[in-house]
C-alpha atoms as a PDB file:
ATOM      1  CA  MET A   1       3.056 -61.643  12.563  1.00  0.00           C
ATOM      2  CA  ARG A   2       2.640 -57.932  12.517  1.00  0.00           C
ATOM      3  CA  ASN A   3      -0.422 -58.221  10.400  1.00  0.00           C
ATOM      4  CA  LEU A   4      -1.838 -60.646  12.929  1.00  0.00           C
ATOM      5  CA  HIS A   5      -1.994 -57.920  15.465  1.00  0.00           C
ATOM      6  CA  LEU A   6      -4.031 -55.555  13.207  1.00  0.00           C
ATOM      7  CA  PRO A   7      -7.559 -56.879  14.021  1.00  0.00           C
ATOM      8  CA  PHE A   8      -6.774 -56.523  17.961  1.00  0.00           C
ATOM      9  CA  PHE A   9      -5.625 -53.046  17.135  1.00  0.00           C
ATOM     10  CA  LEU A  10      -8.592 -51.872  15.280  1.00  0.00           C
ATOM     11  CA  THR A  11     -10.797 -53.568  18.037  1.00  0.00           C
ATOM     12  CA  LEU A  12      -8.912 -51.606  20.606  1.00  0.00           C
ATOM     13  CA  VAL A  13      -9.075 -48.254  18.813  1.00  0.00           C
ATOM     14  CA  ALA A  14     -12.963 -48.828  18.237  1.00  0.00           C
ATOM     15  CA  ALA A  15     -13.531 -49.672  21.783  1.00  0.00           C
ATOM     16  CA  VAL A  16     -11.535 -46.818  23.360  1.00  0.00           C
ATOM     17  CA  SER A  17     -13.128 -44.331  20.920  1.00  0.00           C
ATOM     18  CA  ALA A  18     -16.735 -45.460  21.766  1.00  0.00           C
ATOM     19  CA  ALA A  19     -15.927 -45.454  25.457  1.00  0.00           C
ATOM     20  CA  ALA A  20     -14.470 -42.026  25.585  1.00  0.00           C
ATOM     21  CA  GLY A  21     -17.649 -40.579  23.800  1.00  0.00           C
ATOM     22  CA  ASP A  22     -18.016 -37.007  24.240  1.00  0.00           C
ATOM     23  CA  ASP A  23     -15.951 -36.639  27.245  1.00  0.00           C
ATOM     24  CA  THR A  24     -13.798 -33.964  25.657  1.00  0.00           C
ATOM     25  CA  ALA A  25     -14.051 -31.530  28.650  1.00  0.00           C
ATOM     26  CA  ALA A  26     -13.204 -34.069  31.119  1.00  0.00           C
ATOM     27  CA  ARG A  27     -10.245 -35.371  28.997  1.00  0.00           C
ATOM     28  CA  LEU A  28      -8.884 -31.803  28.843  1.00  0.00           C
ATOM     29  CA  ASP A  29      -9.066 -31.441  32.681  1.00  0.00           C
ATOM     30  CA  LYS A  30      -7.226 -34.898  33.064  1.00  0.00           C
ATOM     31  CA  ALA A  31      -4.743 -33.796  30.356  1.00  0.00           C
ATOM     32  CA  GLY A  32      -4.160 -30.606  32.516  1.00  0.00           C
ATOM     33  CA  ASP A  33      -3.530 -32.654  35.633  1.00  0.00           C
ATOM     34  CA  VAL A  34      -1.393 -35.000  33.905  1.00  0.00           C
ATOM     35  CA  PHE A  35       0.829 -32.126  32.578  1.00  0.00           C
ATOM     36  CA  THR A  36       1.114 -30.518  35.986  1.00  0.00           C
ATOM     37  CA  THR A  37       2.061 -34.035  37.842  1.00  0.00           C
ATOM     38  CA  ILE A  38       4.629 -35.041  35.203  1.00  0.00           C
ATOM     39  CA  THR A  39       6.272 -31.498  35.043  1.00  0.00           C
ATOM     40  CA  GLY A  40       5.982 -31.049  38.595  1.00  0.00           C
ATOM     41  CA  SER A  41       7.986 -34.246  39.551  1.00  0.00           C
ATOM     42  CA  GLY A  42      11.264 -33.101  38.290  1.00  0.00           C
ATOM     43  CA  GLY A  43      11.262 -35.227  35.177  1.00  0.00           C
ATOM     44  CA  VAL A  44      10.726 -32.548  32.800  1.00  0.00           C
ATOM     45  CA  LYS A  45      13.205 -29.572  33.063  1.00  0.00           C
ATOM     46  CA  THR A  46      11.692 -26.116  32.895  1.00  0.00           C
ATOM     47  CA  GLU A  47      14.265 -25.143  30.107  1.00  0.00           C
ATOM     48  CA  GLN A  48      12.849 -27.924  27.986  1.00  0.00           C
ATOM     49  CA  ILE A  49       9.237 -26.808  28.355  1.00  0.00           C
ATOM     50  CA  ALA A  50      10.466 -23.166  27.843  1.00  0.00           C
ATOM     51  CA  ALA A  51      12.155 -24.284  24.504  1.00  0.00           C
ATOM     52  CA  ALA A  52       9.268 -26.553  23.122  1.00  0.00           C
ATOM     53  CA  ASP A  53       7.502 -25.153  19.997  1.00  0.00           C
ATOM     54  CA  CYS A  54       4.439 -27.591  20.904  1.00  0.00           C
ATOM     55  CA  ILE A  55       3.264 -29.756  23.687  1.00  0.00           C
ATOM     56  CA  ALA A  56       1.112 -32.672  23.358  1.00  0.00           C
ATOM     57  CA  VAL A  57      -0.600 -34.518  26.272  1.00  0.00           C
ATOM     58  CA  ILE A  58      -1.978 -38.060  26.115  1.00  0.00           C
ATOM     59  CA  PRO A  59      -3.638 -39.043  29.432  1.00  0.00           C
ATOM     60  CA  GLY A  60      -4.190 -42.695  29.880  1.00  0.00           C
ATOM     61  CA  PHE A  61      -2.709 -44.245  26.758  1.00  0.00           C
ATOM     62  CA  LYS A  62      -3.843 -47.748  26.604  1.00  0.00           C
ATOM     63  CA  LYS A  63      -1.598 -50.680  25.468  1.00  0.00           C
ATOM     64  CA  GLY A  64      -2.490 -53.937  24.456  1.00  0.00           C
ATOM     65  CA  ALA A  65      -2.089 -57.142  26.180  1.00  0.00           C
ATOM     66  CA  ALA A  66       1.171 -58.662  27.171  1.00  0.00           C
ATOM     67  CA  GLY A  67       3.187 -59.649  24.184  1.00  0.00           C
ATOM     68  CA  ILE A  68       1.092 -57.313  21.860  1.00  0.00           C
ATOM     69  CA  GLY A  69       2.501 -53.812  21.461  1.00  0.00           C
ATOM     70  CA  VAL A  70      -0.515 -52.103  20.059  1.00  0.00           C
ATOM     71  CA  GLY A  71      -1.812 -48.985  21.801  1.00  0.00           C
ATOM     72  CA  PHE A  72      -4.353 -46.006  21.575  1.00  0.00           C
ATOM     73  CA  GLY A  73      -4.835 -42.829  23.417  1.00  0.00           C
ATOM     74  CA  ARG A  74      -6.494 -39.533  22.865  1.00  0.00           C
ATOM     75  CA  GLY A  75      -5.093 -36.069  23.797  1.00  0.00           C
ATOM     76  CA  PHE A  76      -4.350 -32.480  22.868  1.00  0.00           C
ATOM     77  CA  ILE A  77      -1.663 -30.415  21.359  1.00  0.00           C
ATOM     78  CA  SER A  78      -0.862 -26.829  21.752  1.00  0.00           C
ATOM     79  CA  CYS A  79       1.781 -24.710  19.940  1.00  0.00           C
ATOM     80  CA  ARG A  80       3.303 -21.317  20.666  1.00  0.00           C
ATOM     81  CA  LYS A  81       1.369 -18.406  19.275  1.00  0.00           C
ATOM     82  CA  TYR A  82       3.471 -15.439  19.875  1.00  0.00           C
ATOM     83  CA  ALA A  83       4.126 -15.142  23.607  1.00  0.00           C
ATOM     84  CA  GLU A  84       0.962 -17.427  24.486  1.00  0.00           C
ATOM     85  CA  TRP A  85      -0.028 -21.078  23.943  1.00  0.00           C
ATOM     86  CA  SER A  86      -2.611 -21.754  20.956  1.00  0.00           C
ATOM     87  CA  ALA A  87      -5.952 -23.341  21.381  1.00  0.00           C
ATOM     88  CA  PRO A  88      -5.661 -27.037  22.003  1.00  0.00           C
ATOM     89  CA  ALA A  89      -6.015 -29.320  18.925  1.00  0.00           C
ATOM     90  CA  ALA A  90      -7.444 -33.024  19.578  1.00  0.00           C
ATOM     91  CA  ILE A  91      -5.126 -35.793  18.526  1.00  0.00           C
ATOM     92  CA  THR A  92      -4.858 -39.459  18.927  1.00  0.00           C
ATOM     93  CA  LEU A  93      -1.556 -41.467  19.323  1.00  0.00           C
ATOM     94  CA  GLU A  94      -1.765 -44.846  17.702  1.00  0.00           C
ATOM     95  CA  THR A  95       0.939 -47.600  17.558  1.00  0.00           C
ATOM     96  CA  ALA A  96       1.468 -51.279  16.730  1.00  0.00           C
ATOM     97  CA  SER A  97       4.770 -51.468  18.398  1.00  0.00           C
ATOM     98  CA  VAL A  98       5.340 -49.461  21.642  1.00  0.00           C
ATOM     99  CA  GLY A  99       8.176 -50.588  23.661  1.00  0.00           C
ATOM    100  CA  VAL A 100       6.699 -50.337  26.910  1.00  0.00           C
ATOM    101  CA  GLN A 101       8.901 -51.517  29.732  1.00  0.00           C
ATOM    102  CA  ILE A 102       6.341 -51.480  32.610  1.00  0.00           C
ATOM    103  CA  GLY A 103       3.662 -53.704  33.626  1.00  0.00           C
ATOM    104  CA  GLY A 104       0.767 -51.061  33.805  1.00  0.00           C
ATOM    105  CA  GLU A 105      -1.818 -51.102  31.116  1.00  0.00           C
ATOM    106  CA  GLU A 106      -2.283 -47.134  30.901  1.00  0.00           C
ATOM    107  CA  ILE A 107       0.579 -44.646  30.505  1.00  0.00           C
ATOM    108  CA  ASP A 108       0.135 -40.829  30.791  1.00  0.00           C
ATOM    109  CA  ILE A 109       2.206 -39.301  28.116  1.00  0.00           C
ATOM    110  CA  VAL A 110       3.780 -35.849  27.452  1.00  0.00           C
ATOM    111  CA  ILE A 111       5.477 -34.868  24.235  1.00  0.00           C
ATOM    112  CA  LEU A 112       7.446 -31.808  23.468  1.00  0.00           C
ATOM    113  CA  SER A 113       8.456 -30.788  19.889  1.00  0.00           C
ATOM    114  CA  MET A 114      11.610 -28.822  19.939  1.00  0.00           C
ATOM    115  CA  ASP A 115      11.623 -27.886  16.182  1.00  0.00           C
ATOM    116  CA  ASN A 116       9.359 -25.005  14.693  1.00  0.00           C
ATOM    117  CA  ALA A 117      10.386 -26.159  11.250  1.00  0.00           C
ATOM    118  CA  ARG A 118       8.391 -29.428  11.498  1.00  0.00           C
ATOM    119  CA  ARG A 119       5.198 -27.909  13.121  1.00  0.00           C
ATOM    120  CA  SER A 120       3.309 -28.197   9.807  1.00  0.00           C
ATOM    121  CA  LYS A 121       4.035 -32.005   9.603  1.00  0.00           C
ATOM    122  CA  LEU A 122       3.257 -32.242  13.377  1.00  0.00           C
ATOM    123  CA  LEU A 123      -0.199 -30.760  12.879  1.00  0.00           C
ATOM    124  CA  SER A 124      -0.867 -32.739   9.833  1.00  0.00           C
ATOM    125  CA  GLU A 125      -3.444 -35.648   9.414  1.00  0.00           C
ATOM    126  CA  ARG A 126      -0.701 -38.129  10.025  1.00  0.00           C
ATOM    127  CA  PHE A 127       2.738 -37.617  11.648  1.00  0.00           C
ATOM    128  CA  ALA A 128       5.061 -40.529  12.275  1.00  0.00           C
ATOM    129  CA  ILE A 129       7.245 -40.252  15.257  1.00  0.00           C
ATOM    130  CA  GLY A 130      10.865 -41.410  14.353  1.00  0.00           C
ATOM    131  CA  SER A 131      10.264 -41.108  10.758  1.00  0.00           C
ATOM    132  CA  ASP A 132       8.900 -37.528  10.413  1.00  0.00           C
ATOM    133  CA  ALA A 133      11.181 -36.591  13.291  1.00  0.00           C
ATOM    134  CA  SER A 134      13.668 -38.410  15.668  1.00  0.00           C
ATOM    135  CA  ALA A 135      12.549 -38.902  19.393  1.00  0.00           C
ATOM    136  CA  ALA A 136      14.172 -39.348  22.359  1.00  0.00           C
ATOM    137  CA  TRP A 137      12.901 -40.196  26.069  1.00  0.00           C
ATOM    138  CA  GLY A 138      13.189 -36.686  27.542  1.00  0.00           C
ATOM    139  CA  ASN A 139      14.875 -37.430  30.792  1.00  0.00           C
ATOM    140  CA  GLY A 140      17.917 -38.967  28.997  1.00  0.00           C
ATOM    141  CA  LYS A 141      17.734 -42.552  30.619  1.00  0.00           C
ATOM    142  CA  SER A 142      16.419 -44.047  27.346  1.00  0.00           C
ATOM    143  CA  ALA A 143      18.959 -46.586  25.668  1.00  0.00           C
ATOM    144  CA  HIS A 144      18.001 -44.986  22.430  1.00  0.00           C
ATOM    145  CA  ALA A 145      18.289 -41.259  23.605  1.00  0.00           C
ATOM    146  CA  ASP A 146      19.374 -38.943  21.117  1.00  0.00           C
ATOM    147  CA  PRO A 147      20.794 -35.377  21.920  1.00  0.00           C
ATOM    148  CA  ASN A 148      19.696 -34.142  18.781  1.00  0.00           C
ATOM    149  CA  ALA A 149      16.141 -35.411  19.013  1.00  0.00           C
ATOM    150  CA  GLN A 150      13.490 -33.087  17.591  1.00  0.00           C
ATOM    151  CA  ILE A 151      10.846 -34.817  19.958  1.00  0.00           C
ATOM    152  CA  LEU A 152      11.113 -35.388  23.562  1.00  0.00           C
ATOM    153  CA  PHE A 153       8.824 -37.515  25.378  1.00  0.00           C
ATOM    154  CA  PHE A 154       7.986 -38.400  29.063  1.00  0.00           C
ATOM    155  CA  GLY A 155       5.633 -41.069  30.694  1.00  0.00           C
ATOM    156  CA  GLN A 156       4.421 -41.906  33.987  1.00  0.00           C
ATOM    157  CA  THR A 157       2.201 -44.698  35.404  1.00  0.00           C
ATOM    158  CA  LYS A 158       1.195 -45.130  38.887  1.00  0.00           C
ATOM    159  CA  GLY A 159       3.430 -42.323  39.724  1.00  0.00           C
ATOM    160  CA  ALA A 160       6.480 -43.650  38.453  1.00  0.00           C
ATOM    161  CA  PHE A 161       8.287 -42.636  35.159  1.00  0.00           C
ATOM    162  CA  ALA A 162       7.938 -45.379  32.503  1.00  0.00           C
ATOM    163  CA  GLY A 163      10.653 -45.978  30.122  1.00  0.00           C
ATOM    164  CA  PHE A 164       9.501 -46.640  26.669  1.00  0.00           C
ATOM    165  CA  GLY A 165       9.956 -45.947  22.981  1.00  0.00           C
ATOM    166  CA  LEU A 166       7.724 -44.199  20.453  1.00  0.00           C
ATOM    167  CA  ASP A 167       9.395 -44.772  17.183  1.00  0.00           C
ATOM    168  CA  GLY A 168       6.692 -45.953  14.904  1.00  0.00           C
ATOM    169  CA  ALA A 169       3.922 -44.250  16.773  1.00  0.00           C
ATOM    170  CA  ILE A 170       1.424 -42.078  14.934  1.00  0.00           C
ATOM    171  CA  LEU A 171       0.103 -38.822  15.711  1.00  0.00           C
ATOM    172  CA  LYS A 172      -3.444 -38.094  13.975  1.00  0.00           C
ATOM    173  CA  ARG A 173      -6.175 -35.390  14.241  1.00  0.00           C
ATOM    174  CA  ASP A 174      -8.987 -36.528  16.474  1.00  0.00           C
ATOM    175  CA  GLU A 175     -11.826 -35.185  14.271  1.00  0.00           C
ATOM    176  CA  SER A 176     -14.520 -36.151  16.845  1.00  0.00           C
ATOM    177  CA  GLY A 177     -12.545 -34.152  19.608  1.00  0.00           C
ATOM    178  CA  ASN A 178     -12.044 -31.165  17.431  1.00  0.00           C
ATOM    179  CA  LYS A 179     -15.716 -31.157  16.432  1.00  0.00           C
ATOM    180  CA  ALA A 180     -16.765 -31.221  20.332  1.00  0.00           C
ATOM    181  CA  LEU A 181     -14.332 -28.500  21.121  1.00  0.00           C
ATOM    182  CA  TYR A 182     -15.192 -26.261  18.340  1.00  0.00           C
ATOM    183  CA  GLY A 183     -18.656 -27.292  16.896  1.00  0.00           C
ATOM    184  CA  LYS A 184     -17.192 -27.936  13.294  1.00  0.00           C
ATOM    185  CA  ASP A 185     -14.706 -30.130  11.557  1.00  0.00           C
ATOM    186  CA  VAL A 186     -11.569 -28.251  11.648  1.00  0.00           C
ATOM    187  CA  THR A 187      -7.799 -29.007  10.962  1.00  0.00           C
ATOM    188  CA  ASN A 188      -5.308 -29.119  13.771  1.00  0.00           C
ATOM    189  CA  SER A 189      -3.349 -26.198  11.811  1.00  0.00           C
ATOM    190  CA  ASP A 190      -6.406 -24.226  11.676  1.00  0.00           C
ATOM    191  CA  VAL A 191      -7.050 -24.757  15.566  1.00  0.00           C
ATOM    192  CA  VAL A 192      -3.481 -23.561  16.142  1.00  0.00           C
ATOM    193  CA  ASP A 193      -3.346 -20.745  13.846  1.00  0.00           C
ATOM    194  CA  GLU A 194      -6.801 -19.190  13.848  1.00  0.00           C
ATOM    195  CA  ILE A 195      -8.991 -20.249  16.551  1.00  0.00           C
ATOM    196  CA  ALA A 196      -9.165 -18.725  19.983  1.00  0.00           C
ATOM    197  CA  THR A 197      -8.918 -20.980  23.126  1.00  0.00           C
ATOM    198  CA  PRO A 198     -12.566 -21.728  24.144  1.00  0.00           C
ATOM    199  CA  PRO A 199     -13.502 -21.315  27.835  1.00  0.00           C
ATOM    200  CA  THR A 200     -13.567 -25.408  28.171  1.00  0.00           C
ATOM    201  CA  ALA A 201      -9.872 -25.254  27.503  1.00  0.00           C
ATOM    202  CA  GLN A 202      -8.549 -22.181  29.418  1.00  0.00           C
ATOM    203  CA  ALA A 203      -7.472 -24.230  32.526  1.00  0.00           C
ATOM    204  CA  PHE A 204      -5.404 -26.559  30.189  1.00  0.00           C
ATOM    205  CA  ILE A 205      -3.659 -23.664  28.441  1.00  0.00           C
ATOM    206  CA  SER A 206      -2.999 -22.066  31.603  1.00  0.00           C
ATOM    207  CA  LYS A 207      -1.310 -24.944  33.064  1.00  0.00           C
ATOM    208  CA  LEU A 208       1.107 -25.134  30.195  1.00  0.00           C
ATOM    209  CA  ALA A 209       1.825 -21.372  30.444  1.00  0.00           C
ATOM    210  CA  GLN A 210       2.422 -21.774  34.270  1.00  0.00           C
ATOM    211  CA  ALA A 211       4.947 -24.761  33.649  1.00  0.00           C
ATOM    212  CA  ALA A 212       6.833 -22.767  30.996  1.00  0.00           C
ATOM    213  CA  SER A 213       7.209 -19.614  33.269  1.00  0.00           C
ATOM    214  CA  ARG A 214       8.728 -21.346  36.504  1.00  0.00           C
END
């Protein structure tokens, strides 16, 4: 049955990628707004943000039709770089089985990585949530919440927090997003470790810093 969903999933990924085009700057602005909204509404604790090693934001994650768990979204990840946040690297979030418990077709997602030891895996070409690191819904209401989870995630749709699971979801490098931001093909590790934040991304990084210092 799972294989029957693959053509739909590939079609969804292709359609979303084509529609996204070169809207990287607009997506960065949206990601910043999403982060501010979710963190400002009380679902994310200040101490969680302050303790996070990396933060990923995926605005408008699109899930498939009812009964089909596939989904796709594009966003950005930034990690701590000394006392500041690094330049954002472009990512995609893909899954064939997100257990969304809501009726909406889009979810804004914030992911906090709490474990510096897993940073290299998180920024690799393919990071499997639930396999490479355990995950829990960050506000603790998930039936599968794990107090020792290295990944905390939060979701919001139409102003309400959404309960969902990310086990089996895959974070990948968004090659076209990085090219749009930095003018060349770069890995996410290179972005985080070596590249300065471009003017296009300054507002997004500022919102991460402001939330961590509340």
